[in-house]
Amino acid sequence: MIKKYHKLIRDRVPDIIQKEGKTCQIVTLADKEYVDALHRKLAEEMKEYQEFFSVEELADLQEVINAIVKTNGLSLEQFDAIREKKHQSNGGFDKKMMLLSVDDHKK
């Protein structure tokens, strides 16, 4: 029985499938197709994380994020510097605060 997927996979998945005695058909994506597939994969992994709230799903999300960062021409170190700069200017989430409202009426 052939099961169809049409989704981005990790690099070693074909080897894993073959070690199970199965065969698979893969294609190598062009850059634009790859970026589109990464965005779909990000949504897929986010959905899985929201369903299970597992650290393993978070690791999958991070792997996809890392790949997206690289497609944007950045190193992971450069990306972390961007994250750190934002952390320095806006803070993190350690204080567990939720914004309820803002009154923009000037007195």
N, C-alpha and C. Protein backbone atom coordinates (compact mmCIF):
# COMPACT_ATOMS: atom_id res chain seq x y z
N MET A 1 0.84 -1.18 0.00
CA MET A 1 0.00 0.00 0.00
C MET A 1 0.89 1.24 0.00
N ILE A 2 0.61 2.18 -0.87
CA ILE A 2 1.36 3.43 -0.95
C ILE A 2 0.62 4.51 -0.17
N LYS A 3 1.33 5.11 0.76
CA LYS A 3 0.79 6.20 1.56
C LYS A 3 1.45 7.50 1.09
N LYS A 4 0.66 8.50 0.73
CA LYS A 4 1.19 9.76 0.19
C LYS A 4 1.28 10.81 1.29
N TYR A 5 2.34 11.60 1.23
CA TYR A 5 2.59 12.61 2.25
C TYR A 5 2.72 14.03 1.69
N HIS A 6 3.58 14.25 0.73
CA HIS A 6 3.86 15.58 0.17
C HIS A 6 4.19 16.60 1.26
N LYS A 7 5.17 16.25 2.11
CA LYS A 7 5.59 17.18 3.15
C LYS A 7 7.10 17.13 3.31
N LEU A 8 7.65 18.20 3.83
CA LEU A 8 9.08 18.31 4.07
C LEU A 8 9.48 17.33 5.16
N ILE A 9 10.61 16.65 4.94
CA ILE A 9 11.10 15.68 5.92
C ILE A 9 12.53 16.00 6.31
N ARG A 10 12.94 15.44 7.44
CA ARG A 10 14.32 15.57 7.88
C ARG A 10 15.23 14.75 6.96
N ASP A 11 16.50 15.12 6.93
CA ASP A 11 17.46 14.55 5.98
C ASP A 11 17.64 13.03 6.09
N ARG A 12 17.53 12.47 7.27
CA ARG A 12 17.80 11.05 7.45
C ARG A 12 16.56 10.17 7.32
N VAL A 13 15.40 10.75 7.12
CA VAL A 13 14.15 9.98 7.04
C VAL A 13 14.18 8.92 5.93
N PRO A 14 14.69 9.23 4.72
CA PRO A 14 14.74 8.16 3.71
C PRO A 14 15.57 6.95 4.16
N ASP A 15 16.70 7.19 4.84
CA ASP A 15 17.52 6.09 5.35
C ASP A 15 16.76 5.27 6.39
N ILE A 16 16.05 5.96 7.24
CA ILE A 16 15.26 5.28 8.28
C ILE A 16 14.18 4.41 7.64
N ILE A 17 13.52 4.94 6.63
CA ILE A 17 12.47 4.19 5.92
C ILE A 17 13.07 2.95 5.26
N GLN A 18 14.23 3.10 4.63
CA GLN A 18 14.87 1.97 3.96
C GLN A 18 15.32 0.92 4.95
N LYS A 19 15.79 1.32 6.12
CA LYS A 19 16.20 0.36 7.16
C LYS A 19 15.02 -0.45 7.67
N GLU A 20 13.82 0.09 7.51
CA GLU A 20 12.59 -0.62 7.89
C GLU A 20 12.13 -1.56 6.79
N GLY A 21 12.91 -1.64 5.70
CA GLY A 21 12.57 -2.53 4.59
C GLY A 21 11.53 -1.95 3.64
N LYS A 22 11.32 -0.66 3.71
CA LYS A 22 10.34 0.00 2.85
C LYS A 22 11.07 0.82 1.80
N THR A 23 10.35 1.26 0.81
CA THR A 23 10.91 2.17 -0.18
C THR A 23 10.12 3.47 -0.14
N CYS A 24 10.76 4.53 -0.61
CA CYS A 24 10.09 5.83 -0.63
C CYS A 24 10.53 6.60 -1.87
N GLN A 25 9.71 7.54 -2.23
CA GLN A 25 10.00 8.41 -3.36
C GLN A 25 10.16 9.81 -2.80
N ILE A 26 11.27 10.46 -3.15
CA ILE A 26 11.52 11.83 -2.69
C ILE A 26 11.92 12.69 -3.87
N VAL A 27 11.81 13.98 -3.71
CA VAL A 27 12.32 14.95 -4.67
C VAL A 27 13.08 16.02 -3.89
N THR A 28 14.04 16.65 -4.54
CA THR A 28 14.75 17.77 -3.95
C THR A 28 14.08 19.05 -4.43
N LEU A 29 13.71 19.88 -3.49
CA LEU A 29 12.97 21.10 -3.80
C LEU A 29 13.87 22.23 -4.27
N ALA A 30 13.35 23.05 -5.15
CA ALA A 30 14.01 24.30 -5.51
C ALA A 30 13.89 25.24 -4.32
N ASP A 31 14.70 26.29 -4.32
CA ASP A 31 14.75 27.19 -3.16
C ASP A 31 13.38 27.75 -2.77
N LYS A 32 12.62 28.25 -3.73
CA LYS A 32 11.30 28.83 -3.43
C LYS A 32 10.36 27.77 -2.86
N GLU A 33 10.37 26.60 -3.46
CA GLU A 33 9.52 25.50 -2.97
C GLU A 33 9.94 25.09 -1.56
N TYR A 34 11.25 25.12 -1.31
CA TYR A 34 11.78 24.76 0.01
C TYR A 34 11.30 25.73 1.07
N VAL A 35 11.37 27.02 0.78
CA VAL A 35 10.92 28.04 1.73
C VAL A 35 9.42 27.88 2.00
N ASP A 36 8.64 27.66 0.96
CA ASP A 36 7.20 27.44 1.14
C ASP A 36 6.94 26.20 2.00
N ALA A 37 7.70 25.14 1.73
CA ALA A 37 7.55 23.90 2.50
C ALA A 37 7.95 24.11 3.96
N LEU A 38 8.97 24.90 4.20
CA LEU A 38 9.37 25.20 5.58
C LEU A 38 8.26 25.94 6.33
N HIS A 39 7.60 26.86 5.66
CA HIS A 39 6.52 27.61 6.31
C HIS A 39 5.34 26.68 6.64
N ARG A 40 5.04 25.77 5.73
CA ARG A 40 3.99 24.77 6.03
C ARG A 40 4.42 23.86 7.17
N LYS A 41 5.69 23.48 7.18
CA LYS A 41 6.22 22.60 8.23
C LYS A 41 6.17 23.30 9.58
N LEU A 42 6.46 24.59 9.60
CA LEU A 42 6.39 25.36 10.84
C LEU A 42 4.98 25.31 11.42
N ALA A 43 3.98 25.51 10.56
CA ALA A 43 2.58 25.45 11.00
C ALA A 43 2.23 24.04 11.49
N GLU A 44 2.70 23.03 10.77
CA GLU A 44 2.45 21.64 11.16
C GLU A 44 3.05 21.33 12.54
N GLU A 45 4.30 21.73 12.74
CA GLU A 45 4.96 21.46 14.01
C GLU A 45 4.33 22.25 15.15
N MET A 46 3.89 23.48 14.86
CA MET A 46 3.22 24.28 15.89
C MET A 46 1.91 23.62 16.31
N LYS A 47 1.18 23.12 15.34
CA LYS A 47 -0.08 22.43 15.64
C LYS A 47 0.19 21.21 16.51
N GLU A 48 1.24 20.45 16.19
CA GLU A 48 1.58 19.27 17.00
C GLU A 48 1.99 19.68 18.41
N TYR A 49 2.75 20.77 18.52
CA TYR A 49 3.13 21.24 19.86
C TYR A 49 1.89 21.64 20.66
N GLN A 50 0.98 22.36 20.02
CA GLN A 50 -0.23 22.81 20.72
C GLN A 50 -1.12 21.63 21.12
N GLU A 51 -1.01 20.54 20.41
CA GLU A 51 -1.81 19.35 20.74
C GLU A 51 -1.20 18.59 21.92
N PHE A 52 0.12 18.47 21.95
CA PHE A 52 0.77 17.60 22.94
C PHE A 52 1.58 18.34 24.01
N PHE A 53 1.95 19.60 23.74
CA PHE A 53 2.79 20.39 24.65
C PHE A 53 4.02 19.62 25.11
N SER A 54 4.68 18.94 24.18
CA SER A 54 5.85 18.15 24.54
C SER A 54 7.14 18.86 24.14
N VAL A 55 8.18 18.61 24.90
CA VAL A 55 9.48 19.18 24.61
C VAL A 55 10.01 18.67 23.27
N GLU A 56 9.68 17.44 22.91
CA GLU A 56 10.11 16.89 21.62
C GLU A 56 9.51 17.69 20.46
N GLU A 57 8.26 18.10 20.58
CA GLU A 57 7.64 18.92 19.55
C GLU A 57 8.27 20.31 19.51
N LEU A 58 8.66 20.83 20.67
CA LEU A 58 9.38 22.11 20.69
C LEU A 58 10.71 21.99 19.96
N ALA A 59 11.38 20.86 20.14
CA ALA A 59 12.65 20.62 19.45
C ALA A 59 12.43 20.59 17.94
N ASP A 60 11.33 19.98 17.50
CA ASP A 60 11.00 19.96 16.07
C ASP A 60 10.77 21.39 15.57
N LEU A 61 10.04 22.18 16.35
CA LEU A 61 9.81 23.58 15.99
C LEU A 61 11.14 24.33 15.85
N GLN A 62 12.03 24.12 16.81
CA GLN A 62 13.33 24.80 16.77
C GLN A 62 14.12 24.40 15.53
N GLU A 63 14.05 23.13 15.15
CA GLU A 63 14.77 22.66 13.96
C GLU A 63 14.25 23.37 12.71
N VAL A 64 12.94 23.53 12.61
CA VAL A 64 12.35 24.23 11.46
C VAL A 64 12.73 25.71 11.50
N ILE A 65 12.68 26.31 12.67
CA ILE A 65 13.07 27.71 12.80
C ILE A 65 14.52 27.90 12.38
N ASN A 66 15.39 27.00 12.80
CA ASN A 66 16.80 27.08 12.41
C ASN A 66 16.96 27.04 10.89
N ALA A 67 16.20 26.16 10.24
CA ALA A 67 16.27 26.04 8.78
C ALA A 67 15.78 27.33 8.12
N ILE A 68 14.71 27.92 8.66
CA ILE A 68 14.19 29.18 8.11
C ILE A 68 15.21 30.30 8.27
N VAL A 69 15.85 30.34 9.43
CA VAL A 69 16.90 31.34 9.67
C VAL A 69 17.98 31.23 8.61
N LYS A 70 18.42 30.01 8.33
CA LYS A 70 19.48 29.80 7.34
C LYS A 70 19.04 30.21 5.94
N THR A 71 17.76 29.98 5.60
CA THR A 71 17.28 30.39 4.28
C THR A 71 17.23 31.90 4.15
N ASN A 72 17.24 32.60 5.27
CA ASN A 72 17.27 34.06 5.26
C ASN A 72 18.71 34.60 5.26
N GLY A 73 19.66 33.70 5.08
CA GLY A 73 21.06 34.10 4.97
C GLY A 73 21.73 34.45 6.28
N LEU A 74 21.15 34.03 7.38
CA LEU A 74 21.72 34.32 8.70
C LEU A 74 22.31 33.05 9.31
N SER A 75 23.32 33.23 10.13
CA SER A 75 23.81 32.12 10.94
C SER A 75 22.93 32.05 12.19
N LEU A 76 22.98 30.92 12.88
CA LEU A 76 22.22 30.80 14.12
C LEU A 76 22.74 31.78 15.16
N GLU A 77 24.03 32.09 15.11
CA GLU A 77 24.61 33.07 16.04
C GLU A 77 24.06 34.47 15.76
N GLN A 78 23.93 34.82 14.48
CA GLN A 78 23.37 36.12 14.13
C GLN A 78 21.91 36.21 14.57
N PHE A 79 21.18 35.12 14.37
CA PHE A 79 19.78 35.09 14.78
C PHE A 79 19.66 35.23 16.30
N ASP A 80 20.54 34.54 17.03
CA ASP A 80 20.50 34.64 18.48
C ASP A 80 20.84 36.06 18.94
N ALA A 81 21.71 36.74 18.21
CA ALA A 81 22.03 38.13 18.55
C ALA A 81 20.80 39.02 18.35
N ILE A 82 20.02 38.76 17.31
CA ILE A 82 18.77 39.50 17.09
C ILE A 82 17.80 39.24 18.23
N ARG A 83 17.70 37.96 18.62
CA ARG A 83 16.81 37.59 19.73
C ARG A 83 17.26 38.28 21.01
N GLU A 84 18.57 38.27 21.27
CA GLU A 84 19.11 38.88 22.49
C GLU A 84 18.88 40.39 22.50
N LYS A 85 19.06 41.04 21.36
CA LYS A 85 18.82 42.49 21.27
C LYS A 85 17.37 42.80 21.61
N LYS A 86 16.45 42.01 21.07
CA LYS A 86 15.03 42.21 21.36
C LYS A 86 14.74 41.94 22.84
N HIS A 87 15.41 40.94 23.38
CA HIS A 87 15.25 40.62 24.80
C HIS A 87 15.72 41.80 25.66
N GLN A 88 16.84 42.39 25.27
CA GLN A 88 17.37 43.53 26.02
C GLN A 88 16.44 44.74 25.95
N SER A 89 15.85 44.98 24.77
CA SER A 89 15.00 46.17 24.62
C SER A 89 13.59 45.96 25.18
N ASN A 90 13.02 44.78 24.99
CA ASN A 90 11.62 44.55 25.38
C ASN A 90 11.46 43.58 26.55
N GLY A 91 12.54 42.93 26.94
CA GLY A 91 12.47 41.96 28.03
C GLY A 91 12.06 40.60 27.53
N GLY A 92 11.95 39.69 28.49
CA GLY A 92 11.53 38.33 28.19
C GLY A 92 10.11 38.10 28.67
N PHE A 93 9.86 36.90 29.13
CA PHE A 93 8.52 36.55 29.63
C PHE A 93 8.58 36.03 31.06
N ASP A 94 9.67 36.34 31.75
CA ASP A 94 9.88 35.81 33.10
C ASP A 94 8.88 36.31 34.13
N LYS A 95 8.37 37.51 33.95
CA LYS A 95 7.45 38.09 34.94
C LYS A 95 6.01 37.62 34.77
N LYS A 96 5.73 36.85 33.74
CA LYS A 96 4.41 36.23 33.53
C LYS A 96 3.27 37.26 33.44
N MET A 97 3.55 38.43 32.86
CA MET A 97 2.55 39.50 32.79
C MET A 97 1.67 39.36 31.55
N MET A 98 0.39 39.71 31.71
CA MET A 98 -0.55 39.75 30.60
C MET A 98 -1.14 41.14 30.51
N LEU A 99 -1.05 41.75 29.33
CA LEU A 99 -1.61 43.08 29.11
C LEU A 99 -3.11 42.95 28.93
N LEU A 100 -3.87 43.66 29.74
CA LEU A 100 -5.33 43.60 29.65
C LEU A 100 -5.90 44.76 28.86
N SER A 101 -5.33 45.94 29.02
CA SER A 101 -5.86 47.08 28.27
C SER A 101 -4.86 48.23 28.31
N VAL A 102 -5.07 49.17 27.38
CA VAL A 102 -4.29 50.40 27.34
C VAL A 102 -5.28 51.53 27.10
N ASP A 103 -5.23 52.55 27.92
CA ASP A 103 -6.07 53.73 27.76
C ASP A 103 -5.25 54.79 27.02
N ASP A 104 -5.61 55.08 25.79
CA ASP A 104 -4.82 56.04 25.02
C ASP A 104 -5.40 57.45 25.08
N HIS A 105 -6.34 57.68 25.95
CA HIS A 105 -6.88 59.02 26.11
C HIS A 105 -5.93 59.86 26.94
N LYS A 106 -5.55 60.97 26.37
CA LYS A 106 -4.62 61.86 27.07
C LYS A 106 -5.39 62.75 28.01
N LYS A 107 -4.80 62.99 29.15
CA LYS A 107 -5.46 63.83 30.16
C LYS A 107 -4.95 65.22 30.13
